Protein backbone atom coordinates (compact mmCIF):
# COMPACT_ATOMS: atom_id res chain seq x y z
CA UNK A 1 0.00 0.00 0.00
CA UNK A 2 1.36 3.42 -0.97
CA UNK A 3 1.15 6.56 1.15
CA UNK A 4 -1.42 8.07 -1.21
CA UNK A 5 -3.55 4.93 -1.07
CA UNK A 6 -3.48 5.04 2.72
CA UNK A 7 -4.48 8.72 2.74
CA UNK A 8 -7.39 7.97 0.40
CA UNK A 9 -8.43 5.19 2.76
CA UNK A 10 -8.33 7.49 5.78
CA UNK A 11 -10.30 10.11 3.84
CA UNK A 12 -13.02 7.51 3.22
CA UNK A 13 -13.86 7.47 6.93
CA UNK A 14 -15.23 11.07 6.83
CA UNK A 15 -14.40 11.37 10.55
CA UNK A 16 -10.70 12.17 10.12
CA UNK A 17 -9.81 15.74 9.26
CA UNK A 18 -6.39 17.33 9.13
CA UNK A 19 -6.17 17.83 12.90
CA UNK A 20 -6.92 14.22 13.81
CA UNK A 21 -4.64 13.05 11.01
CA UNK A 22 -1.73 15.03 12.45
CA UNK A 23 -2.31 13.47 15.87
CA UNK A 24 -2.42 10.01 14.35
CA UNK A 25 0.73 10.65 12.32
CA UNK A 26 2.58 11.86 15.42
CA UNK A 27 1.70 8.58 17.08
CA UNK A 28 2.07 6.10 14.21
CA UNK A 29 4.50 7.83 11.84
CA UNK A 30 2.86 7.03 8.49
CA UNK A 31 -0.67 6.77 7.04
CA UNK A 32 0.00 3.11 6.27
CA UNK A 33 0.74 2.41 9.93
CA UNK A 34 -2.52 4.09 10.94
CA UNK A 35 -4.60 1.78 8.76
CA UNK A 36 -2.71 -1.27 10.00
CA UNK A 37 -2.87 -0.35 13.70
CA UNK A 38 -5.00 -2.43 16.09
CA UNK A 39 -8.13 -0.73 17.51
CA UNK A 40 -6.69 -0.42 21.04
CA UNK A 41 -3.71 1.52 19.68
CA UNK A 42 -5.92 3.87 17.70
CA UNK A 43 -8.05 4.79 20.69
CA UNK A 44 -4.88 5.70 22.60
CA UNK A 45 -4.65 8.81 20.40
CA UNK A 46 -6.47 11.88 21.72
CA UNK A 47 -9.75 12.47 19.86
CA UNK A 48 -9.94 8.94 18.43
CA UNK A 49 -12.77 7.08 20.16
CA UNK A 50 -14.35 3.73 19.49
CA UNK A 51 -16.50 5.02 16.63
CA UNK A 52 -13.64 6.59 14.68
CA UNK A 53 -11.42 3.61 15.42
CA UNK A 54 -14.14 1.35 14.05
CA UNK A 55 -14.45 3.51 10.92
CA UNK A 56 -10.71 3.26 10.28
CA UNK A 57 -10.69 -0.50 10.72
CA UNK A 58 -13.66 -0.86 8.37
CA UNK A 59 -11.63 0.47 5.42
CA UNK A 60 -10.07 -2.28 3.35
CA UNK A 61 -7.83 -2.43 0.31
CA UNK A 62 -10.86 -3.17 -1.85
CA UNK A 63 -12.48 0.14 -0.85
CA UNK A 64 -9.30 2.01 -1.73
CA UNK A 65 -8.90 0.18 -5.04
CA UNK A 66 -12.46 1.10 -6.01
CA UNK A 67 -11.67 4.80 -5.56
CA UNK A 68 -8.64 4.59 -7.84
CA UNK A 69 -10.53 2.52 -10.42
CA UNK A 70 -13.30 5.12 -10.49
CA UNK A 71 -10.69 7.89 -10.80
CA UNK A 72 -9.12 6.19 -13.81
CA UNK A 73 -12.49 5.66 -15.45
CA UNK A 74 -13.51 9.32 -15.03
CA UNK A 75 -10.04 10.73 -15.84
CA UNK A 76 -9.69 12.19 -12.37
CA UNK A 77 -6.46 12.59 -10.42
CA UNK A 78 -6.26 12.12 -6.66
CA UNK A 79 -3.54 14.22 -5.07
CA UNK A 80 -2.24 14.84 -1.55
CA UNK A 81 -0.23 17.67 -0.02
CA UNK A 82 2.93 15.87 -1.15
CA UNK A 83 1.95 16.51 -4.77
CA UNK A 84 3.49 19.51 -6.53
CA UNK A 85 0.05 20.39 -7.95
CA UNK A 86 -1.59 20.73 -4.52
CA UNK A 87 -2.57 24.44 -4.35
CA UNK A 88 -0.20 26.55 -2.26
CA UNK A 89 -2.97 28.83 -0.95
CA UNK A 90 -4.95 25.82 0.26
CA UNK A 91 -1.94 24.12 1.80
CA UNK A 92 -1.43 27.17 4.02
CA UNK A 93 -4.83 27.10 5.76
CA UNK A 94 -5.32 25.59 9.20
CA UNK A 95 -7.07 22.43 8.01
CA UNK A 96 -6.32 21.67 4.34
CA UNK A 97 -8.04 18.63 2.79
CA UNK A 98 -6.21 15.32 3.22
CA UNK A 99 -6.64 14.58 -0.49
CA UNK A 100 -8.18 16.31 -3.49
CA UNK A 101 -10.01 14.70 -6.38
CA UNK A 102 -9.20 16.79 -9.47
CA UNK A 103 -10.95 16.83 -12.85
CA UNK A 104 -8.96 19.11 -15.15
CA UNK A 105 -5.69 20.85 -14.30
CA UNK A 106 -4.43 22.87 -11.36
CA UNK A 107 -1.69 25.36 -12.26
CA UNK A 108 0.68 27.63 -10.35
CA UNK A 109 -1.07 30.64 -11.85
CA UNK A 110 -4.17 29.63 -9.85
CA UNK A 111 -2.42 30.98 -6.73
CA UNK A 112 -3.58 34.40 -7.99
CA UNK A 113 -7.28 33.77 -7.53
CA UNK A 114 -10.48 35.31 -6.23
CA UNK A 115 -13.57 33.56 -4.87
CA UNK A 116 -16.96 34.87 -5.99
CA UNK A 117 -19.91 33.52 -4.01
CA UNK A 118 -23.47 34.42 -3.19
CA UNK A 119 -27.12 33.50 -3.11
CA UNK A 120 -28.63 30.55 -4.99
CA UNK A 121 -31.82 32.62 -5.41
CA UNK A 122 -30.08 35.66 -6.80
CA UNK A 123 -31.62 38.69 -8.46
CA UNK A 124 -30.79 39.85 -11.97
CA UNK A 125 -28.57 42.52 -10.37
CA UNK A 126 -26.66 39.84 -8.48
CA UNK A 127 -26.29 37.45 -11.42
CA UNK A 128 -25.14 40.13 -13.85
CA UNK A 129 -22.73 41.56 -11.27
CA UNK A 130 -21.21 38.14 -10.55
CA UNK A 131 -20.65 37.54 -14.25
CA UNK A 132 -19.20 41.03 -14.76
CA UNK A 133 -16.76 40.82 -11.84
CA UNK A 134 -15.66 37.34 -12.90
CA UNK A 135 -15.13 38.45 -16.48
CA UNK A 136 -13.19 41.58 -15.52
CA UNK A 137 -11.00 39.86 -12.92
CA UNK A 138 -10.35 36.97 -15.29
CA UNK A 139 -9.18 39.48 -17.88
CA UNK A 140 -6.57 40.66 -15.36
CA UNK A 141 -5.22 37.14 -14.88
CA UNK A 142 -7.17 36.03 -11.80
CA UNK A 143 -8.51 32.49 -11.55
CA UNK A 144 -12.14 32.60 -10.44
CA UNK A 145 -13.08 30.19 -7.64
CA UNK A 146 -16.66 29.26 -6.77
CA UNK A 147 -18.88 26.38 -5.71
CA UNK A 148 -20.83 25.59 -8.91
CA UNK A 149 -24.12 26.08 -7.06
CA UNK A 150 -27.18 27.63 -8.67
CA UNK A 151 -27.29 31.40 -8.88
CA UNK A 152 -24.22 33.53 -8.19
CA UNK A 153 -21.73 30.63 -8.33
CA UNK A 154 -22.92 29.51 -11.77
CA UNK A 155 -22.69 33.03 -13.21
CA UNK A 156 -19.24 33.58 -11.69
CA UNK A 157 -17.95 30.48 -13.48
CA UNK A 158 -19.68 31.53 -16.71
CA UNK A 159 -18.16 35.01 -16.55
CA UNK A 160 -14.64 33.58 -16.38
CA UNK A 161 -15.38 31.11 -19.18
CA UNK A 162 -16.73 33.88 -21.44
CA UNK A 163 -13.42 35.68 -20.93
CA UNK A 164 -11.63 32.41 -21.78
CA UNK A 165 -10.01 32.58 -18.35
CA UNK A 166 -9.39 29.94 -15.73
CA UNK A 167 -11.97 28.93 -13.16
CA UNK A 168 -12.12 26.29 -10.44
CA UNK A 169 -15.31 24.75 -9.04
CA UNK A 170 -15.27 23.23 -5.56
CA UNK A 171 -17.94 20.60 -4.94
CA UNK A 172 -19.64 19.61 -1.70
CA UNK A 173 -20.11 16.05 -2.95
CA UNK A 174 -18.25 13.28 -4.75
CA UNK A 175 -17.91 13.07 -8.52
CA UNK A 176 -20.61 10.39 -8.72
CA UNK A 177 -23.08 13.01 -7.51
CA UNK A 178 -22.51 16.23 -9.49
CA UNK A 179 -24.69 18.86 -7.84
CA UNK A 180 -26.86 20.46 -9.01
CA UNK A 181 -27.56 18.05 -11.84
CA UNK A 182 -28.30 20.81 -14.33
CA UNK A 183 -24.68 21.95 -14.00
CA UNK A 184 -23.15 18.72 -15.32
CA UNK A 185 -22.35 20.34 -18.68
CA UNK A 186 -20.96 23.38 -16.89
CA UNK A 187 -18.72 21.08 -14.84
CA UNK A 188 -17.33 19.58 -18.05
CA UNK A 189 -16.63 23.04 -19.48
CA UNK A 190 -14.94 24.16 -16.26
CA UNK A 191 -12.73 21.05 -16.26
CA UNK A 192 -11.56 21.93 -19.78
CA UNK A 193 -10.67 25.49 -18.73
CA UNK A 194 -9.49 24.95 -15.18
CA UNK A 195 -10.57 22.29 -12.71
CA UNK A 196 -13.45 20.80 -10.78
CA UNK A 197 -12.28 19.56 -7.39
CA UNK A 198 -13.64 17.81 -4.31
CA UNK A 199 -12.22 16.49 -1.08
CA UNK A 200 -15.07 13.96 -0.86
CA UNK A 201 -14.92 10.33 -2.07
CA UNK A 202 -16.76 9.46 -5.28
CA UNK A 203 -19.96 8.21 -3.66
CA UNK A 204 -20.35 11.10 -1.19
CA UNK A 205 -23.77 12.70 -1.65
CA UNK A 206 -24.38 16.48 -1.50
CA UNK A 207 -25.38 16.47 2.17
CA UNK A 208 -26.02 19.73 3.98
CA UNK A 209 -23.13 19.06 6.38
CA UNK A 210 -20.66 18.89 3.47
CA UNK A 211 -21.10 22.45 2.26
CA UNK A 212 -19.39 24.30 5.12
CA UNK A 213 -16.38 22.06 4.50
CA UNK A 214 -16.56 22.95 0.81
CA UNK A 215 -16.79 26.66 1.68
CA UNK A 216 -13.52 26.63 3.63
CA UNK A 217 -11.83 25.19 0.52
CA UNK A 218 -13.31 27.91 -1.70
CA UNK A 219 -11.92 30.66 0.54
CA UNK A 220 -8.72 28.72 1.17
CA UNK A 221 -7.89 28.54 -2.52
CA UNK A 222 -8.32 32.30 -2.89
CA UNK A 223 -6.49 35.48 -1.98
CA UNK A 224 -9.85 37.06 -1.26
CA UNK A 225 -13.59 36.38 -1.34
CA UNK A 226 -16.19 38.58 -3.00
CA UNK A 227 -19.74 38.13 -1.70
CA UNK A 228 -22.18 39.38 -4.33
CA UNK A 229 -25.57 38.70 -2.73
CA UNK A 230 -26.33 36.93 0.54
CA UNK A 231 -29.42 36.57 2.68
CA UNK A 232 -29.27 36.56 6.47
CA UNK A 233 -28.27 32.88 6.79
CA UNK A 234 -26.56 32.42 3.45
CA UNK A 235 -23.75 29.90 3.05
CA UNK A 236 -21.80 32.69 1.35
CA UNK A 237 -21.43 34.35 4.75
CA UNK A 238 -19.84 31.14 6.05
CA UNK A 239 -17.32 31.38 3.22
CA UNK A 240 -16.60 35.00 4.23
CA UNK A 241 -16.07 33.90 7.85
CA UNK A 242 -13.60 31.24 6.71
CA UNK A 243 -11.78 33.83 4.60
CA UNK A 244 -11.32 36.06 7.64
CA UNK A 245 -10.09 33.14 9.76
CA UNK A 246 -7.62 32.27 7.01
CA UNK A 247 -6.28 35.82 6.85
CA UNK A 248 -7.75 36.52 3.43
CA UNK A 249 -9.48 39.64 2.12
CA UNK A 250 -13.28 39.96 2.12
CA UNK A 251 -15.17 42.13 -0.37
CA UNK A 252 -18.88 42.80 -0.59
CA UNK A 253 -21.17 44.26 -3.24
CA UNK A 254 -23.67 46.71 -1.70
CA UNK A 255 -27.37 46.23 -2.36
CA UNK A 256 -30.73 47.79 -1.67
CA UNK A 257 -31.43 48.16 2.04
CA UNK A 258 -34.90 46.63 1.65
CA UNK A 259 -33.65 43.57 -0.27
CA UNK A 260 -33.39 40.34 1.73
CA UNK A 261 -30.66 39.16 -0.66
CA UNK A 262 -28.54 42.18 0.23
CA UNK A 263 -28.83 41.83 4.00
CA UNK A 264 -25.66 39.74 4.27
CA UNK A 265 -23.49 41.87 2.02
CA UNK A 266 -24.60 45.12 3.66
CA UNK A 267 -23.85 43.62 7.08
CA UNK A 268 -20.39 42.55 5.91
CA UNK A 269 -19.68 46.11 4.81
CA UNK A 270 -20.77 47.45 8.21
CA UNK A 271 -18.42 44.93 9.83
CA UNK A 272 -15.42 46.08 7.78
CA UNK A 273 -15.52 44.20 4.48
CA UNK A 274 -14.40 46.36 1.58
CA UNK A 275 -17.29 47.81 -0.41
CA UNK A 276 -16.70 47.26 -4.12
CA UNK A 277 -18.42 48.55 -7.23
CA UNK A 278 -15.93 47.40 -9.85
CA UNK A 279 -13.09 44.94 -10.34
CA UNK A 280 -10.63 47.82 -9.91
CA UNK A 281 -11.63 48.06 -6.23
CA UNK A 282 -10.41 44.49 -5.77
CA UNK A 283 -7.30 44.86 -7.93
CA UNK A 284 -6.15 47.73 -5.70
CA UNK A 285 -5.75 45.28 -2.84
CA UNK A 286 -3.62 42.87 -4.86
CA UNK A 287 -1.07 45.09 -6.56
CA UNK A 288 1.64 42.78 -5.19
CA UNK A 289 0.37 40.08 -7.59
CA UNK A 290 1.52 42.02 -10.62
CA UNK A 291 4.70 40.52 -12.09
CA UNK A 292 7.87 42.59 -11.60
CA UNK A 293 9.34 44.36 -14.60
CA UNK A 294 12.40 42.15 -14.37
CA UNK A 295 12.21 38.45 -13.63
CA UNK A 296 13.75 38.61 -10.18
CA UNK A 297 12.58 38.02 -6.64
CA UNK A 298 11.82 41.11 -4.61
CA UNK A 299 14.28 41.86 -1.82
CA UNK A 300 13.36 42.92 1.71
CA UNK A 301 14.59 46.44 0.88
CA UNK A 302 11.74 46.75 -1.62
CA UNK A 303 9.04 45.96 0.93
CA UNK A 304 6.71 48.50 2.50
CA UNK A 305 7.48 49.59 6.06
CA UNK A 306 4.97 47.25 7.73
CA UNK A 307 6.09 44.33 5.60
CA UNK A 308 9.70 45.07 6.53
CA UNK A 309 8.82 45.17 10.22
CA UNK A 310 7.06 41.84 9.92
CA UNK A 311 9.85 40.31 7.83
CA UNK A 312 12.51 41.38 10.35
CA UNK A 313 10.56 39.77 13.19
CA UNK A 314 11.08 36.38 11.53
CA UNK A 315 14.16 34.19 11.26
CA UNK A 316 15.07 30.62 10.32
CA UNK A 317 13.47 29.49 13.59
CA UNK A 318 9.68 28.93 13.46
CA UNK A 319 7.70 31.71 15.14
CA UNK A 320 4.05 31.23 16.17
CA UNK A 321 1.45 33.80 15.10
CA UNK A 322 0.78 35.03 18.65
CA UNK A 323 4.48 35.85 19.14
CA UNK A 324 4.56 37.68 15.81
CA UNK A 325 1.65 39.82 17.01
CA UNK A 326 3.50 40.55 20.26
CA UNK A 327 6.79 41.42 18.52
CA UNK A 328 5.32 43.67 15.84
CA UNK A 329 2.41 45.25 17.75
CA UNK A 330 0.39 45.22 14.54
CA UNK A 331 -3.33 44.49 14.25
CA UNK A 332 -4.27 40.90 13.37
CA UNK A 333 -5.92 41.80 10.02
CA UNK A 334 -2.79 43.74 8.99
CA UNK A 335 -0.51 40.89 10.02
CA UNK A 336 -2.62 38.31 8.19
CA UNK A 337 -2.53 40.36 5.00
CA UNK A 338 1.22 40.98 5.25
CA UNK A 339 1.99 37.31 5.94
CA UNK A 340 0.09 36.30 2.83
CA UNK A 341 1.87 38.91 0.73
CA UNK A 342 5.30 37.81 1.99
CA UNK A 343 4.42 34.20 1.17
CA UNK A 344 3.37 35.19 -2.34
CA UNK A 345 6.75 36.92 -2.73
CA UNK A 346 8.40 33.68 -1.56
CA UNK A 347 10.22 35.48 1.25
CA UNK A 348 8.63 33.45 4.03
CA UNK A 349 6.69 30.22 4.39
CA UNK A 350 4.09 28.88 6.79
CA UNK A 351 4.64 25.71 8.79
CA UNK A 352 2.00 23.56 10.54
CA UNK A 353 0.52 25.12 13.66
CA UNK A 354 0.42 28.69 12.26
CA UNK A 355 4.20 29.11 12.53
CA UNK A 356 6.29 31.16 10.08
CA UNK A 357 9.94 31.20 8.99
CA UNK A 358 12.06 33.04 6.46
CA UNK A 359 12.90 31.25 3.21
């Protein structure tokens, strides 16, 4: 059994996320050892009770083989964080997916990406705005990330495709259950011009509990999230919350004060999200993504004052986020933004446990 096969097997249990996996790896060393461990050894690991232990022991080689056979049949790749194609932005969040099922291609250029999300029951204003922002940002080289749901998501993907740009759809189900069904043709078009991805095994259905997990991947893939329309309890607001937790930018399109679909976006603006009316408002926040005139890495001397302060607080020894805050005396949103920018410039890197070091 290979390491990737073992990771796919562990992912089949549904009960093991990144945090539990790290605990198990600390105890057993390799994913293969985890699958081969006796039940009493598994339950010795914090957070692994009888139920999760039973789920792990229920996974056999046949189950794993079926996943890879299905992947081959559908021309889908299964990758882990060891794979060079695993997205850098996603790898740097607190709980990246154990594996990704990928239909299409993931490219390094997808690191410069924006998520566009919003209501499934969107207005014409919302749909046309989602398509316009996606088209305009795609024209500037951004990959558009969304969830392929009805409404705003669908029009965001279509806007990028009309511009002949790249777009990535993140599903809340396995590839045997494309959801919604009417977007099957859209999924095929996206896969030809980007990628459709999922962290869920092939037979996973589009259950309500899966979509918050999908939303963290949407925001995790992106440098920022634009919420176009969102009602009071919209899933798009969950994506915005994940973006903030991940240190990413949040943008919101204002709407009519008496529109239920605009309640969420107007609230986000009141809470500090950047109000946007055009793609230029978003591009202003990501000027660091523009390629340098000469093909060379930026030096610390070229950084802004706050970036320099943050850079100088780091060394070759890992430094936790709370100590960075203490050393720099900067606000958390500022630090989160600067850390992401320094990573994009390949001057620093993030290690597990929200620790940072110089490259």
